[in-house]
Amino acid sequence: MQNHTKVWLKFFNIKDTSECSCVYCGGQATSLHHLKPRGMGGSNKKDYIENLAALCRQHHEQAEHNPNYNAEVKCTVLDMVKEVIK
């Protein structure tokens, strides 16, 4: 399991990736998106909860290609993180 997946599951106390929901539509998440890209070769320095979003395939593609949409997803994630921290 990749490090960013472990970060997401641990923070939200989720046992398995099959329990991950898309932060945007609530459907089955198929991947974890890095809001700020890791860059070529990847970097664990980008694997922090505020930089990750569980997304379905459709919304992951939108976040990858549309900076405004990516910013909207980031706001949603930050609201979710605030709720967990409360």
N, C-alpha and C. Protein backbone atom coordinates (compact mmCIF):
# COMPACT_ATOMS: atom_id res chain seq x y z
N MET A 1 0.85 -1.18 0.00
CA MET A 1 0.00 0.00 0.00
C MET A 1 0.90 1.24 0.00
N GLN A 2 0.55 2.21 -0.83
CA GLN A 2 1.36 3.42 -0.94
C GLN A 2 1.19 4.29 0.31
N ASN A 3 2.23 5.08 0.59
CA ASN A 3 2.24 5.90 1.80
C ASN A 3 1.06 6.86 1.86
N HIS A 4 0.73 7.53 0.75
CA HIS A 4 -0.37 8.50 0.79
C HIS A 4 -1.71 7.81 1.08
N THR A 5 -1.85 6.59 0.66
CA THR A 5 -3.07 5.83 0.98
C THR A 5 -3.14 5.56 2.47
N LYS A 6 -2.01 5.17 3.07
CA LYS A 6 -1.96 4.92 4.51
C LYS A 6 -2.29 6.19 5.29
N VAL A 7 -1.78 7.33 4.83
CA VAL A 7 -2.04 8.61 5.50
C VAL A 7 -3.55 8.89 5.52
N TRP A 8 -4.20 8.71 4.37
CA TRP A 8 -5.64 8.99 4.26
C TRP A 8 -6.45 8.05 5.16
N LEU A 9 -6.16 6.76 5.06
CA LEU A 9 -6.91 5.77 5.84
C LEU A 9 -6.74 6.00 7.34
N LYS A 10 -5.52 6.26 7.77
CA LYS A 10 -5.27 6.46 9.19
C LYS A 10 -5.97 7.72 9.71
N PHE A 11 -5.86 8.82 8.99
CA PHE A 11 -6.45 10.07 9.46
C PHE A 11 -7.96 9.95 9.62
N PHE A 12 -8.62 9.33 8.64
CA PHE A 12 -10.08 9.22 8.68
C PHE A 12 -10.57 7.92 9.32
N ASN A 13 -9.63 7.17 9.91
CA ASN A 13 -9.95 5.93 10.62
C ASN A 13 -10.77 4.97 9.73
N ILE A 14 -10.24 4.76 8.54
CA ILE A 14 -10.87 3.86 7.57
C ILE A 14 -10.01 2.61 7.49
N LYS A 15 -10.66 1.45 7.50
CA LYS A 15 -9.92 0.19 7.52
C LYS A 15 -9.41 -0.24 6.16
N ASP A 16 -10.15 0.09 5.10
CA ASP A 16 -9.84 -0.46 3.78
C ASP A 16 -10.19 0.56 2.70
N THR A 17 -9.47 0.54 1.60
CA THR A 17 -9.75 1.50 0.54
C THR A 17 -11.14 1.31 -0.06
N SER A 18 -11.72 0.14 0.09
CA SER A 18 -13.08 -0.07 -0.43
C SER A 18 -14.11 0.76 0.32
N GLU A 19 -13.72 1.30 1.48
CA GLU A 19 -14.62 2.14 2.27
C GLU A 19 -14.44 3.63 1.96
N CYS A 20 -13.53 3.97 1.04
CA CYS A 20 -13.27 5.37 0.70
C CYS A 20 -14.33 5.90 -0.26
N SER A 21 -14.84 7.07 0.06
CA SER A 21 -15.83 7.73 -0.79
C SER A 21 -15.21 8.96 -1.43
N CYS A 22 -15.67 9.28 -2.62
CA CYS A 22 -15.24 10.49 -3.31
C CYS A 22 -15.64 11.69 -2.45
N VAL A 23 -14.70 12.59 -2.19
CA VAL A 23 -14.99 13.75 -1.35
C VAL A 23 -15.95 14.71 -2.04
N TYR A 24 -16.11 14.56 -3.34
CA TYR A 24 -16.95 15.49 -4.08
C TYR A 24 -18.37 14.98 -4.26
N CYS A 25 -18.53 13.72 -4.68
CA CYS A 25 -19.88 13.22 -4.98
C CYS A 25 -20.36 12.13 -4.03
N GLY A 26 -19.44 11.57 -3.23
CA GLY A 26 -19.83 10.51 -2.30
C GLY A 26 -19.83 9.12 -2.90
N GLY A 27 -19.55 9.02 -4.21
CA GLY A 27 -19.45 7.71 -4.85
C GLY A 27 -18.19 6.98 -4.43
N GLN A 28 -17.99 5.80 -4.97
CA GLN A 28 -16.80 5.00 -4.64
C GLN A 28 -15.55 5.71 -5.16
N ALA A 29 -14.62 6.00 -4.25
CA ALA A 29 -13.34 6.60 -4.66
C ALA A 29 -12.49 5.52 -5.30
N THR A 30 -11.83 5.89 -6.39
CA THR A 30 -10.97 4.95 -7.08
C THR A 30 -9.50 5.27 -6.89
N SER A 31 -9.20 6.47 -6.39
CA SER A 31 -7.81 6.86 -6.20
C SER A 31 -7.70 8.03 -5.24
N LEU A 32 -6.48 8.24 -4.76
CA LEU A 32 -6.18 9.41 -3.95
C LEU A 32 -5.41 10.40 -4.82
N HIS A 33 -5.92 11.59 -4.88
CA HIS A 33 -5.35 12.65 -5.71
C HIS A 33 -4.48 13.55 -4.85
N HIS A 34 -3.30 13.90 -5.36
CA HIS A 34 -2.44 14.89 -4.70
C HIS A 34 -2.86 16.26 -5.24
N LEU A 35 -3.34 17.12 -4.36
CA LEU A 35 -3.80 18.44 -4.77
C LEU A 35 -2.64 19.27 -5.32
N LYS A 36 -1.48 19.18 -4.68
CA LYS A 36 -0.24 19.73 -5.23
C LYS A 36 0.53 18.53 -5.72
N PRO A 37 0.80 18.47 -7.01
CA PRO A 37 1.44 17.27 -7.57
C PRO A 37 2.78 16.94 -6.91
N ARG A 38 3.07 15.65 -6.88
CA ARG A 38 4.33 15.18 -6.32
C ARG A 38 5.50 15.46 -7.26
N GLY A 39 5.23 15.64 -8.52
CA GLY A 39 6.30 15.88 -9.48
C GLY A 39 6.87 14.57 -10.00
N MET A 40 7.80 14.68 -10.87
CA MET A 40 8.42 13.51 -11.49
C MET A 40 9.11 12.65 -10.42
N GLY A 41 8.85 11.38 -10.44
CA GLY A 41 9.49 10.47 -9.50
C GLY A 41 8.79 10.37 -8.16
N GLY A 42 7.86 11.27 -7.90
CA GLY A 42 7.12 11.23 -6.64
C GLY A 42 7.94 11.79 -5.48
N SER A 43 7.24 12.13 -4.42
CA SER A 43 7.88 12.65 -3.23
C SER A 43 6.96 12.41 -2.04
N ASN A 44 7.50 11.77 -1.01
CA ASN A 44 6.70 11.56 0.21
C ASN A 44 6.42 12.86 0.93
N LYS A 45 7.13 13.93 0.59
CA LYS A 45 6.91 15.22 1.24
C LYS A 45 5.55 15.81 0.90
N LYS A 46 4.89 15.28 -0.11
CA LYS A 46 3.56 15.75 -0.49
C LYS A 46 2.45 14.85 0.07
N ASP A 47 2.83 13.84 0.86
CA ASP A 47 1.86 12.89 1.40
C ASP A 47 1.36 13.31 2.78
N TYR A 48 0.73 14.50 2.83
CA TYR A 48 0.11 14.94 4.07
C TYR A 48 -1.38 15.15 3.81
N ILE A 49 -2.17 15.02 4.85
CA ILE A 49 -3.62 14.92 4.70
C ILE A 49 -4.24 16.11 3.96
N GLU A 50 -3.73 17.31 4.17
CA GLU A 50 -4.30 18.49 3.51
C GLU A 50 -3.99 18.52 2.01
N ASN A 51 -3.13 17.63 1.55
CA ASN A 51 -2.77 17.59 0.14
C ASN A 51 -3.37 16.38 -0.58
N LEU A 52 -4.24 15.66 0.08
CA LEU A 52 -4.80 14.44 -0.49
C LEU A 52 -6.32 14.53 -0.60
N ALA A 53 -6.86 13.89 -1.63
CA ALA A 53 -8.31 13.83 -1.78
C ALA A 53 -8.69 12.50 -2.41
N ALA A 54 -9.59 11.78 -1.75
CA ALA A 54 -10.13 10.55 -2.32
C ALA A 54 -11.17 10.97 -3.36
N LEU A 55 -10.99 10.50 -4.60
CA LEU A 55 -11.88 10.90 -5.68
C LEU A 55 -12.27 9.71 -6.55
N CYS A 56 -13.47 9.78 -7.12
CA CYS A 56 -13.88 8.81 -8.13
C CYS A 56 -13.11 9.15 -9.41
N ARG A 57 -13.15 8.28 -10.38
CA ARG A 57 -12.40 8.48 -11.62
C ARG A 57 -12.77 9.79 -12.31
N GLN A 58 -14.08 10.06 -12.43
CA GLN A 58 -14.54 11.29 -13.11
C GLN A 58 -14.00 12.54 -12.44
N HIS A 59 -14.11 12.62 -11.12
CA HIS A 59 -13.67 13.82 -10.41
C HIS A 59 -12.15 13.92 -10.32
N HIS A 60 -11.47 12.78 -10.33
CA HIS A 60 -10.00 12.80 -10.36
C HIS A 60 -9.53 13.41 -11.68
N GLU A 61 -10.15 13.02 -12.77
CA GLU A 61 -9.78 13.57 -14.08
C GLU A 61 -10.03 15.07 -14.11
N GLN A 62 -11.15 15.52 -13.57
CA GLN A 62 -11.45 16.95 -13.53
C GLN A 62 -10.41 17.70 -12.70
N ALA A 63 -10.04 17.15 -11.55
CA ALA A 63 -9.07 17.81 -10.68
C ALA A 63 -7.70 17.89 -11.34
N GLU A 64 -7.36 16.86 -12.12
CA GLU A 64 -6.06 16.83 -12.81
C GLU A 64 -5.98 17.90 -13.90
N HIS A 65 -7.11 18.23 -14.54
CA HIS A 65 -7.08 19.09 -15.72
C HIS A 65 -7.66 20.49 -15.51
N ASN A 66 -8.25 20.73 -14.36
CA ASN A 66 -8.91 22.02 -14.13
C ASN A 66 -8.45 22.60 -12.79
N PRO A 67 -7.57 23.60 -12.82
CA PRO A 67 -7.06 24.19 -11.56
C PRO A 67 -8.14 24.75 -10.65
N ASN A 68 -9.20 25.32 -11.22
CA ASN A 68 -10.28 25.86 -10.39
C ASN A 68 -11.03 24.75 -9.67
N TYR A 69 -11.26 23.66 -10.37
CA TYR A 69 -11.92 22.51 -9.76
C TYR A 69 -11.02 21.91 -8.68
N ASN A 70 -9.73 21.81 -8.95
CA ASN A 70 -8.78 21.29 -7.98
C ASN A 70 -8.82 22.13 -6.70
N ALA A 71 -8.91 23.45 -6.84
CA ALA A 71 -8.99 24.35 -5.68
C ALA A 71 -10.28 24.12 -4.90
N GLU A 72 -11.36 23.85 -5.62
CA GLU A 72 -12.65 23.56 -4.97
C GLU A 72 -12.56 22.27 -4.15
N VAL A 73 -11.93 21.25 -4.72
CA VAL A 73 -11.74 19.99 -4.01
C VAL A 73 -10.89 20.21 -2.76
N LYS A 74 -9.86 21.04 -2.88
CA LYS A 74 -8.99 21.32 -1.73
C LYS A 74 -9.79 21.95 -0.59
N CYS A 75 -10.68 22.88 -0.91
CA CYS A 75 -11.52 23.50 0.13
C CYS A 75 -12.40 22.46 0.81
N THR A 76 -12.93 21.53 0.04
CA THR A 76 -13.76 20.45 0.60
C THR A 76 -12.94 19.59 1.56
N VAL A 77 -11.71 19.24 1.14
CA VAL A 77 -10.84 18.42 1.98
C VAL A 77 -10.49 19.17 3.27
N LEU A 78 -10.17 20.45 3.16
CA LEU A 78 -9.82 21.21 4.36
C LEU A 78 -10.99 21.28 5.34
N ASP A 79 -12.21 21.40 4.82
CA ASP A 79 -13.40 21.38 5.69
C ASP A 79 -13.53 20.02 6.39
N MET A 80 -13.26 18.93 5.66
CA MET A 80 -13.33 17.60 6.25
C MET A 80 -12.28 17.43 7.34
N VAL A 81 -11.08 17.93 7.09
CA VAL A 81 -10.00 17.82 8.08
C VAL A 81 -10.37 18.60 9.35
N LYS A 82 -10.93 19.79 9.18
CA LYS A 82 -11.35 20.59 10.33
C LYS A 82 -12.37 19.84 11.18
N GLU A 83 -13.30 19.16 10.53
CA GLU A 83 -14.32 18.41 11.26
C GLU A 83 -13.71 17.28 12.09
N VAL A 84 -12.72 16.60 11.55
CA VAL A 84 -12.08 15.50 12.27
C VAL A 84 -11.29 16.04 13.46
N ILE A 85 -10.65 17.18 13.27
CA ILE A 85 -9.81 17.76 14.33
C ILE A 85 -10.66 18.27 15.50
N LYS A 86 -11.88 18.74 15.22
CA LYS A 86 -12.76 19.28 16.28
C LYS A 86 -12.92 18.32 17.37
